[in-house]
Amino acid sequence: MANAFETYESNVRSYCRSFPTVFTAAKGATLTDNTGKTYIDFFSGAGGVNYGHNHPYIKQKVIEYLQGDGIIHALDMYTPAKEAFIAYFEENILQPKGLDYKIQFTGPTGTNAVEAALKLARKVTGRTNVFALMGAFHGMTMGALSLTTDASSRGGAGLPLTGVTHIPAPYMLPEMDTVAYMETLITDDHSGVEKPAAVILEAVQADGGIYPMPIDYLQKLRAMCDRHGVLLIIDDIQAGCGRSGNFFAFERAGIVPDMVTLSKSIGGMGMPMALLLMKPQLDIWSPGEHTGTFRGNQLSLVAAKAGLEVYFNEQVADQVAQKEAIVADFMKQEIETIHPAIRTRGVGLLWGVDLSALGGDALSKAVMTACFEKGLILERVGRDNAVMKLMPTLTIDKQQLIEGLTILRDVIRSIVKE
């Protein structure tokens, strides 16, 4: 089978190069390959399976829907599955948090939600420019890619990527007030920069190297956007759905974005689904103005509602808080003590081990490969791919979490020398 992949599948394939085996089964936080070897999953489908692989409750709801011959493909027509999801999401997630949003089903993946947000922000404001942060990852379609900053992704565009002004992320220049810098660009008639329709950012920058945005930064940014009539868009595709500790990663700052993009784990068990949440006054779309054949995947809607039920029934937020404390302590006591140049950072169950001062890409690749050989799957992110990204399932057993952390520690110890 490996020859079939290598012979017929495009060279664009990526993760299979880092994890070169044929996976055949998955349950909870464990993957199994065709040799019977098991792996602890600190990757979680790039954040697509926060509640674990094949969660029994979610899976059962999908099976029941299939066995009942429920409609599978409905575009944006009315269905019981869509009605049930909308009602549950509004009544259990949005309303208790005081969030007044309308929901747009944009298509199967996160980049579709980002494209819709960009289009709507420009339509609402009549402006074309958008501010995004350096270190951002927002997707690989042309509009989302114009926001994304890593050179390898942008290099595949084939066209100039325009309409975006990139602002240094706050961790890049800690001595600089980057919100004041944005405001200067907006107000100075000699800045040479067009006033933006929106500012878009991740409340926890993930693929940029695991950087939670400071609370005061998010609050200052919200106030700046309010002063100048600029929309604030939070991309919560990877850090949302409980990953950061709260359901939305921006909640810890007490702010209300104008728009929020969701995907990945909103699909419940890895089912394709993406949403754009928008303040009601922004919903100025004409019917069919932004559309897509697969924006109404009924199995995703069923799984999404079941996933939200798991979030509450299994008290996932409490689980994340408990496990965050375990990871934070392990990082400080067991990882950072390996070498003084190692840095760790994170929030909830999204953490990074920064090896950039010790060797960058080559070192991090060696760590990733050795972890894989020892039964731990995790990827690399950030500048020069130098940050080991830890993103275990939110429902992982505490002992399995510690086992995965121990593998990582032992591998880094074996490769990194004082």
Protein backbone atom coordinates (compact mmCIF):
# COMPACT_ATOMS: atom_id res chain seq x y z
CA MET A 1 0.00 0.00 0.00
CA ALA A 2 2.83 2.41 0.74
CA ASN A 3 3.88 2.16 -2.90
CA ALA A 4 0.36 3.17 -3.98
CA PHE A 5 0.60 6.32 -1.88
CA GLU A 6 4.06 7.16 -3.10
CA THR A 7 3.33 6.31 -6.73
CA TYR A 8 -0.07 7.90 -7.21
CA GLU A 9 -0.62 10.50 -4.50
CA SER A 10 0.54 14.07 -5.09
CA ASN A 11 3.83 15.31 -3.73
CA VAL A 12 1.82 17.84 -1.73
CA ARG A 13 1.16 15.22 0.95
CA SER A 14 2.69 16.34 4.21
CA TYR A 15 1.92 14.68 7.54
CA CYS A 16 2.46 11.19 6.17
CA ARG A 17 6.11 12.14 5.64
CA SER A 18 6.47 12.92 9.34
CA PHE A 19 4.53 9.86 10.48
CA PRO A 20 5.39 7.18 7.88
CA THR A 21 3.05 4.34 8.74
CA VAL A 22 -0.44 3.20 7.78
CA PHE A 23 -2.89 4.03 10.56
CA THR A 24 -5.80 1.62 10.80
CA ALA A 25 -7.68 2.47 13.99
CA ALA A 26 -8.09 5.19 16.59
CA LYS A 27 -9.79 5.41 19.96
CA GLY A 28 -9.61 8.19 22.50
CA ALA A 29 -6.04 9.49 22.48
CA THR A 30 -4.55 6.35 20.91
CA LEU A 31 -3.77 5.60 17.27
CA THR A 32 -2.96 2.12 15.98
CA ASP A 33 -1.10 1.27 12.78
CA ASN A 34 -1.20 -1.79 10.52
CA THR A 35 1.54 -3.52 12.50
CA GLY A 36 -0.45 -3.23 15.72
CA LYS A 37 1.83 -0.56 17.18
CA THR A 38 0.04 2.08 19.24
CA TYR A 39 0.80 5.78 19.52
CA ILE A 40 -0.21 8.46 22.01
CA ASP A 41 -1.81 11.27 20.03
CA PHE A 42 -0.50 14.75 20.87
CA PHE A 43 -1.67 15.95 17.45
CA SER A 44 -5.46 15.44 17.61
CA GLY A 45 -6.00 15.79 13.88
CA ALA A 46 -4.50 19.30 13.98
CA GLY A 47 -7.18 20.12 16.52
CA GLY A 48 -10.01 18.36 14.72
CA VAL A 49 -10.73 15.77 17.42
CA ASN A 50 -10.64 17.62 20.74
CA TYR A 51 -12.99 15.08 22.31
CA GLY A 52 -10.92 12.09 21.18
CA HIS A 53 -11.07 9.66 18.31
CA ASN A 54 -14.33 7.79 17.84
CA HIS A 55 -15.96 9.12 20.98
CA PRO A 56 -18.68 6.52 21.68
CA TYR A 57 -21.48 9.02 22.32
CA ILE A 58 -20.80 11.10 19.22
CA LYS A 59 -20.30 8.01 17.08
CA GLN A 60 -23.57 6.50 18.28
CA LYS A 61 -25.51 9.65 17.37
CA VAL A 62 -24.05 9.58 13.85
CA ILE A 63 -24.84 5.87 13.47
CA GLU A 64 -28.41 6.40 14.62
CA TYR A 65 -28.87 9.20 12.09
CA LEU A 66 -27.51 7.03 9.27
CA GLN A 67 -29.66 4.07 10.25
CA GLY A 68 -32.73 6.31 10.23
CA ASP A 69 -32.08 7.34 6.61
CA GLY A 70 -31.77 10.97 7.60
CA ILE A 71 -30.97 13.33 4.75
CA ILE A 72 -27.21 13.56 4.26
CA HIS A 73 -26.80 16.36 1.74
CA ALA A 74 -29.05 19.41 1.97
CA LEU A 75 -26.95 22.46 1.06
CA ASP A 76 -28.57 25.21 3.18
CA MET A 77 -32.10 23.80 3.21
CA TYR A 78 -33.92 23.40 6.50
CA THR A 79 -33.40 20.06 8.26
CA PRO A 80 -34.00 18.73 11.78
CA ALA A 81 -30.25 18.22 12.25
CA LYS A 82 -29.47 21.85 11.46
CA GLU A 83 -32.30 23.14 13.61
CA ALA A 84 -31.17 21.01 16.56
CA PHE A 85 -27.57 22.18 16.27
CA ILE A 86 -28.46 25.87 15.96
CA ALA A 87 -30.80 25.73 18.94
CA TYR A 88 -28.32 23.87 21.13
CA PHE A 89 -25.39 26.11 20.18
CA GLU A 90 -27.34 29.30 20.80
CA GLU A 91 -28.96 28.16 24.05
CA ASN A 92 -25.94 26.43 25.61
CA ILE A 93 -22.88 28.22 24.23
CA LEU A 94 -23.74 31.72 23.02
CA GLN A 95 -26.59 32.93 25.21
CA PRO A 96 -25.05 31.94 28.58
CA LYS A 97 -21.93 33.86 27.57
CA GLY A 98 -23.92 36.92 26.56
CA LEU A 99 -22.86 36.57 22.93
CA ASP A 100 -25.37 37.73 20.33
CA TYR A 101 -24.23 36.17 17.08
CA LYS A 102 -25.89 34.90 13.94
CA ILE A 103 -24.47 31.70 12.48
CA GLN A 104 -23.31 31.21 8.90
CA PHE A 105 -22.50 27.72 7.65
CA THR A 106 -19.67 28.47 5.28
CA GLY A 107 -18.39 25.15 4.01
CA PRO A 108 -16.38 22.17 5.14
CA THR A 109 -13.11 23.64 6.42
CA GLY A 110 -11.68 26.57 8.33
CA THR A 111 -10.33 28.50 5.39
CA ASN A 112 -13.91 28.77 4.05
CA ALA A 113 -14.98 30.54 7.22
CA VAL A 114 -12.02 32.92 6.98
CA GLU A 115 -12.84 33.72 3.35
CA ALA A 116 -16.43 34.51 4.31
CA ALA A 117 -15.27 36.75 7.16
CA LEU A 118 -12.94 38.70 4.88
CA LYS A 119 -15.59 39.12 2.21
CA LEU A 120 -18.23 40.24 4.69
CA ALA A 121 -15.89 42.68 6.50
CA ARG A 122 -15.06 44.35 3.20
CA LYS A 123 -18.71 44.44 2.18
CA VAL A 124 -19.83 45.96 5.49
CA THR A 125 -17.14 48.65 5.69
CA GLY A 126 -16.53 49.37 2.02
CA ARG A 127 -12.80 49.14 2.73
CA THR A 128 -10.39 46.60 1.24
CA ASN A 129 -7.33 46.49 3.48
CA VAL A 130 -7.09 44.10 6.44
CA PHE A 131 -4.59 44.00 9.31
CA ALA A 132 -3.19 40.59 10.29
CA LEU A 133 -0.36 39.56 12.57
CA MET A 134 3.05 38.23 11.63
CA GLY A 135 3.17 34.58 12.63
CA ALA A 136 -0.46 34.06 11.65
CA PHE A 137 -1.93 31.01 10.01
CA HIS A 138 -5.46 31.43 8.70
CA GLY A 139 -5.73 28.98 5.81
CA MET A 140 -4.49 28.12 2.34
CA THR A 141 -7.10 29.54 -0.05
CA MET A 142 -6.14 32.85 -1.63
CA GLY A 143 -7.80 35.27 0.77
CA ALA A 144 -6.83 33.32 3.88
CA LEU A 145 -3.35 32.77 2.49
CA SER A 146 -2.91 36.52 2.08
CA LEU A 147 -3.25 36.69 5.89
CA THR A 148 -0.94 33.74 6.55
CA THR A 149 2.72 34.64 6.89
CA ASP A 150 4.98 31.60 6.66
CA ALA A 151 7.06 31.84 3.51
CA SER A 152 6.60 28.25 2.32
CA SER A 153 2.80 28.52 2.36
CA ARG A 154 2.78 31.91 0.64
CA GLY A 155 5.25 30.69 -1.95
CA GLY A 156 2.69 28.30 -3.37
CA ALA A 157 0.18 31.02 -4.23
CA GLY A 158 1.41 31.73 -7.74
CA LEU A 159 0.01 35.27 -7.56
CA PRO A 160 0.74 38.38 -5.52
CA LEU A 161 -0.99 38.23 -2.15
CA THR A 162 -2.45 41.67 -1.58
CA GLY A 163 -4.97 43.57 0.52
CA VAL A 164 -3.29 42.84 3.86
CA THR A 165 -0.95 44.81 6.11
CA HIS A 166 1.01 42.58 8.48
CA ILE A 167 1.65 43.89 11.97
CA PRO A 168 4.33 42.54 14.34
CA ALA A 169 2.80 40.18 16.89
CA PRO A 170 3.20 41.45 20.46
CA TYR A 171 5.77 38.79 21.38
CA MET A 172 8.05 39.84 18.53
CA LEU A 173 8.80 43.34 19.80
CA PRO A 174 7.87 43.35 23.50
CA GLU A 175 9.23 46.86 23.94
CA MET A 176 6.85 48.17 21.28
CA ASP A 177 3.15 48.98 21.71
CA THR A 178 1.93 47.30 18.53
CA VAL A 179 -1.67 48.39 19.12
CA ALA A 180 -0.49 52.01 19.19
CA TYR A 181 1.43 51.25 16.00
CA MET A 182 -1.75 50.04 14.31
CA GLU A 183 -3.57 53.15 15.47
CA THR A 184 -0.79 55.30 14.04
CA LEU A 185 -1.12 53.55 10.68
CA ILE A 186 -4.85 54.31 10.74
CA THR A 187 -4.69 57.95 11.85
CA ASP A 188 -1.48 59.28 10.29
CA ASP A 189 -2.26 60.72 6.87
CA HIS A 190 1.32 59.97 5.86
CA SER A 191 1.41 56.33 6.98
CA GLY A 192 0.88 55.14 3.43
CA VAL A 193 -1.45 52.42 4.74
CA GLU A 194 -5.15 52.26 3.99
CA LYS A 195 -7.54 52.11 6.94
CA PRO A 196 -8.49 48.45 7.34
CA ALA A 197 -11.91 46.88 7.18
CA ALA A 198 -10.87 44.53 9.97
CA VAL A 199 -8.12 43.21 12.18
CA ILE A 200 -7.97 39.41 12.24
CA LEU A 201 -5.96 37.34 14.66
CA GLU A 202 -5.80 34.12 16.64
CA ALA A 203 -6.27 34.61 20.38
CA VAL A 204 -3.65 31.89 20.73
CA GLN A 205 -1.30 31.91 17.77
CA ALA A 206 -0.77 28.21 17.13
CA ASP A 207 1.24 27.50 14.00
CA GLY A 208 3.23 30.68 14.62
CA GLY A 209 4.87 28.96 17.58
CA ILE A 210 2.25 28.69 20.38
CA TYR A 211 1.81 32.25 21.61
CA PRO A 212 -1.24 33.10 23.74
CA MET A 213 -2.04 36.73 23.08
CA PRO A 214 -1.76 38.78 26.31
CA ILE A 215 -5.09 39.70 27.89
CA ASP A 216 -4.29 43.42 27.98
CA TYR A 217 -3.26 43.29 24.32
CA LEU A 218 -6.61 41.79 23.29
CA GLN A 219 -8.48 44.36 25.36
CA LYS A 220 -6.50 47.28 23.93
CA LEU A 221 -7.04 45.94 20.42
CA ARG A 222 -10.80 45.70 20.97
CA ALA A 223 -10.87 49.31 22.20
CA MET A 224 -8.78 50.53 19.28
CA CYS A 225 -11.09 48.83 16.77
CA ASP A 226 -14.09 50.44 18.47
CA ARG A 227 -12.53 53.90 18.27
CA HIS A 228 -11.96 53.67 14.53
CA GLY A 229 -14.87 51.61 13.27
CA VAL A 230 -12.66 48.62 12.43
CA LEU A 231 -14.10 45.12 12.78
CA LEU A 232 -12.34 42.66 15.09
CA ILE A 233 -12.27 39.09 13.79
CA ILE A 234 -11.03 36.27 16.01
CA ASP A 235 -9.91 33.10 14.24
CA ASP A 236 -10.77 30.43 16.83
CA ILE A 237 -10.49 27.53 14.43
CA GLN A 238 -7.60 25.81 16.21
CA ALA A 239 -7.67 27.29 19.72
CA GLY A 240 -11.46 27.17 20.15
CA CYS A 241 -13.91 24.46 21.21
CA GLY A 242 -12.38 24.15 24.67
CA ARG A 243 -8.74 23.89 23.65
CA SER A 244 -7.64 27.01 25.58
CA GLY A 245 -9.60 26.19 28.74
CA ASN A 246 -12.66 28.26 27.83
CA PHE A 247 -14.89 27.29 24.93
CA PHE A 248 -13.66 30.36 23.02
CA ALA A 249 -10.01 31.34 23.34
CA PHE A 250 -10.89 35.06 23.51
CA GLU A 251 -13.08 34.64 26.61
CA ARG A 252 -10.17 34.99 29.03
CA ALA A 253 -9.82 38.62 27.89
CA GLY A 254 -13.50 39.43 28.40
CA ILE A 255 -13.86 40.81 24.88
CA VAL A 256 -16.58 40.34 22.26
CA PRO A 257 -15.28 40.09 18.67
CA ASP A 258 -17.40 41.30 15.78
CA MET A 259 -16.88 38.00 14.00
CA VAL A 260 -15.54 34.59 15.03
CA THR A 261 -14.44 31.76 12.76
CA LEU A 262 -14.81 28.16 13.97
CA SER A 263 -13.98 24.83 12.39
CA LYS A 264 -11.95 21.72 13.31
CA SER A 265 -13.48 20.39 16.56
CA ILE A 266 -16.82 22.13 16.05
CA GLY A 267 -17.42 19.08 13.80
CA GLY A 268 -17.59 16.88 16.89
CA MET A 269 -15.42 13.94 15.86
CA GLY A 270 -13.42 15.22 12.92
CA MET A 271 -16.42 15.70 10.66
CA PRO A 272 -16.00 18.62 8.21
CA MET A 273 -17.73 21.76 9.40
CA ALA A 274 -16.97 25.48 9.57
CA LEU A 275 -18.91 28.42 10.94
CA LEU A 276 -18.77 32.18 10.82
CA LEU A 277 -20.33 33.88 13.82
CA MET A 278 -21.25 37.53 13.26
CA LYS A 279 -22.96 40.29 15.15
CA PRO A 280 -26.52 40.54 13.76
CA GLN A 281 -26.07 44.04 12.32
CA LEU A 282 -23.22 42.74 10.15
CA ASP A 283 -25.38 40.15 8.43
CA ILE A 284 -25.96 42.13 5.24
CA TRP A 285 -25.48 39.22 2.84
CA SER A 286 -27.86 38.89 -0.08
CA PRO A 287 -29.27 35.35 -0.45
CA GLY A 288 -26.70 33.12 -2.12
CA GLU A 289 -23.99 35.80 -2.08
CA HIS A 290 -21.58 33.43 -0.36
CA THR A 291 -22.36 29.79 -0.94
CA GLY A 292 -20.92 26.27 -1.22
CA THR A 293 -22.15 22.79 -2.04
CA PHE A 294 -21.02 21.23 1.24
CA ARG A 295 -22.04 23.93 3.70
CA GLY A 296 -24.86 21.71 4.99
CA ASN A 297 -23.21 18.39 5.87
CA GLN A 298 -25.87 16.75 8.00
CA LEU A 299 -23.58 14.18 9.61
CA SER A 300 -21.34 17.06 10.71
CA LEU A 301 -24.33 18.83 12.25
CA VAL A 302 -25.33 15.69 14.14
CA ALA A 303 -21.76 15.09 15.32
CA ALA A 304 -21.32 18.77 16.21
CA LYS A 305 -24.34 18.81 18.51
CA ALA A 306 -23.22 15.56 20.11
CA GLY A 307 -19.74 17.02 20.59
CA LEU A 308 -21.18 20.01 22.42
CA GLU A 309 -23.17 17.64 24.61
CA VAL A 310 -19.95 15.79 25.43
CA TYR A 311 -18.30 19.12 26.27
CA PHE A 312 -20.92 19.73 28.96
CA ASN A 313 -21.75 16.19 30.07
CA GLU A 314 -18.11 15.24 30.61
CA GLN A 315 -17.20 18.64 32.07
CA VAL A 316 -14.43 19.07 29.54
CA ALA A 317 -13.58 22.60 30.73
CA ASP A 318 -12.80 21.20 34.19
CA GLN A 319 -10.76 18.40 32.63
CA VAL A 320 -8.71 20.91 30.66
CA ALA A 321 -8.04 23.02 33.77
CA GLN A 322 -6.76 19.97 35.67
CA LYS A 323 -4.59 18.76 32.80
CA GLU A 324 -3.28 22.25 32.05
CA ALA A 325 -1.86 22.31 35.57
CA ILE A 326 -0.18 18.93 34.96
CA VAL A 327 1.38 20.10 31.68
CA ALA A 328 2.47 23.48 33.05
CA ASP A 329 4.21 21.85 36.01
CA PHE A 330 5.85 19.22 33.81
CA MET A 331 7.10 21.89 31.42
CA LYS A 332 8.71 23.87 34.22
CA GLN A 333 10.10 20.99 36.24
CA GLU A 334 10.98 18.40 33.59
CA ILE A 335 11.42 20.12 30.21
CA GLU A 336 12.88 23.56 30.89
CA THR A 337 15.43 22.03 33.27
CA ILE A 338 16.96 19.97 30.45
CA HIS A 339 18.73 23.03 29.03
CA PRO A 340 18.59 26.73 29.99
CA ALA A 341 17.88 27.72 26.36
CA ILE A 342 14.64 25.71 26.18
CA ARG A 343 11.49 27.80 26.46
CA THR A 344 7.94 26.52 26.98
CA ARG A 345 4.61 28.35 26.74
CA GLY A 346 0.96 27.60 26.32
CA VAL A 347 -2.54 27.70 27.69
CA GLY A 348 -5.14 25.00 28.27
CA LEU A 349 -3.99 21.97 26.31
CA LEU A 350 -2.12 23.85 23.58
CA TRP A 351 1.59 24.04 24.44
CA GLY A 352 4.91 24.55 22.74
CA VAL A 353 8.48 23.54 23.54
CA ASP A 354 10.70 26.09 21.81
CA LEU A 355 14.04 24.65 20.68
CA SER A 356 14.95 27.54 18.39
CA ALA A 357 18.01 28.52 20.43
CA LEU A 358 19.42 25.01 20.18
CA GLY A 359 19.27 24.11 16.53
CA GLY A 360 15.93 24.92 14.90
CA ASP A 361 14.60 22.71 12.14
CA ALA A 362 17.17 19.92 12.27
CA LEU A 363 16.90 19.49 16.02
CA SER A 364 13.12 19.65 16.16
CA LYS A 365 12.85 17.14 13.32
CA ALA A 366 15.12 14.75 15.18
CA VAL A 367 12.95 15.12 18.29
CA MET A 368 9.73 14.57 16.34
CA THR A 369 11.13 11.48 14.59
CA ALA A 370 12.42 9.93 17.81
CA CYS A 371 9.11 10.60 19.56
CA PHE A 372 7.26 8.89 16.72
CA GLU A 373 9.54 5.86 16.97
CA LYS A 374 8.78 5.68 20.70
CA GLY A 375 5.03 5.93 20.17
CA LEU A 376 4.23 9.64 20.49
CA ILE A 377 2.82 11.77 17.67
CA LEU A 378 3.32 15.53 17.71
CA GLU A 379 4.15 18.11 15.07
CA ARG A 380 6.46 21.10 14.71
CA VAL A 381 5.44 24.73 14.22
CA GLY A 382 6.81 28.26 14.35
CA ARG A 383 9.82 29.92 12.80
CA ASP A 384 12.17 27.31 11.33
CA ASN A 385 9.73 24.66 12.59
CA ALA A 386 11.61 24.87 15.88
CA VAL A 387 8.67 24.54 18.30
CA MET A 388 7.33 21.14 19.33
CA LYS A 389 3.56 21.52 19.41
CA LEU A 390 1.64 19.61 22.08
CA MET A 391 -2.08 19.32 21.38
CA PRO A 392 -3.42 16.17 23.09
CA THR A 393 -7.11 15.33 23.04
CA LEU A 394 -8.93 17.23 25.78
CA THR A 395 -10.33 13.98 27.17
CA ILE A 396 -6.99 12.16 27.36
CA ASP A 397 -6.48 10.07 30.49
CA LYS A 398 -4.15 11.84 32.94
CA GLN A 399 -1.79 8.86 33.12
CA GLN A 400 -1.58 8.70 29.31
CA LEU A 401 -0.94 12.45 29.24
CA ILE A 402 1.99 12.03 31.63
CA GLU A 403 3.26 9.05 29.63
CA GLY A 404 3.33 11.17 26.46
CA LEU A 405 5.05 14.04 28.25
CA THR A 406 7.64 11.61 29.63
CA ILE A 407 8.43 10.30 26.14
CA LEU A 408 8.99 13.86 24.96
CA ARG A 409 11.19 14.66 27.95
CA ASP A 410 13.32 11.56 27.50
CA VAL A 411 13.76 12.19 23.78
CA ILE A 412 14.80 15.81 24.29
CA ARG A 413 17.23 14.73 27.03
CA SER A 414 18.79 12.17 24.70
CA ILE A 415 19.24 14.67 21.85
CA VAL A 416 19.91 17.96 23.59
CA LYS A 417 23.20 18.19 25.46
CA GLU A 418 24.05 20.77 28.10
